[in-house]
């Protein structure tokens, strides 16, 4: 099998490690194969591919689309290095307000599968980074939403020693409590699922 599927501590978030065939000419890998993904619990129809480029210290997120326009995502970093973050915003989830953070890079070639019901963000750790990601739903501007990247209830440890570069939109996002009418307190607030 050309992939290793590693379940994360939050249900349905999966780290995908592709098998890379490399030699002095370069490398080859499969980045997606529907039959293998379905056999390992990722039975999602991807309807849109996205490609973004960001410079050093850029932080994008935390973004999601409101139901019924939710998106599952398969994210990989094809150039550079990032911390990729998925925050559980499923109101009835035992892990509501918790997050998974992984390093994705052109070197490790790993991917993160993020199901619907999660907010997503990343911070660039290299001079530049390019992300390629598949989404299960098309972009719906009327459902575009976000959560403040530095929400104290979520308390993401971005592990950065610089002031991130943010868009005006991301700088002005609301907190989890403002959006959902409650914080994640009582549900392991501010903790990375490890």
Foldseek 3Di string as FASTA:
>chain_A
DQWDWADFLFPPKIKIFGHWADDPVGIDTDPDDQVVCVVVPNNFAFDDKDKDKDFAQAKDFQKFFDPPQTKKKKKAWQAAKKWKKKAACPPPDLQHLAMAIDMHHNVRRMIIIGGTRIGIMMTGHDRMIMMMMTIRGDDDVVRMAGAAPCAVQSQDPRVDPDNGDYDPVNNPHHHSCVVVVHGCPVSPTNYHRD
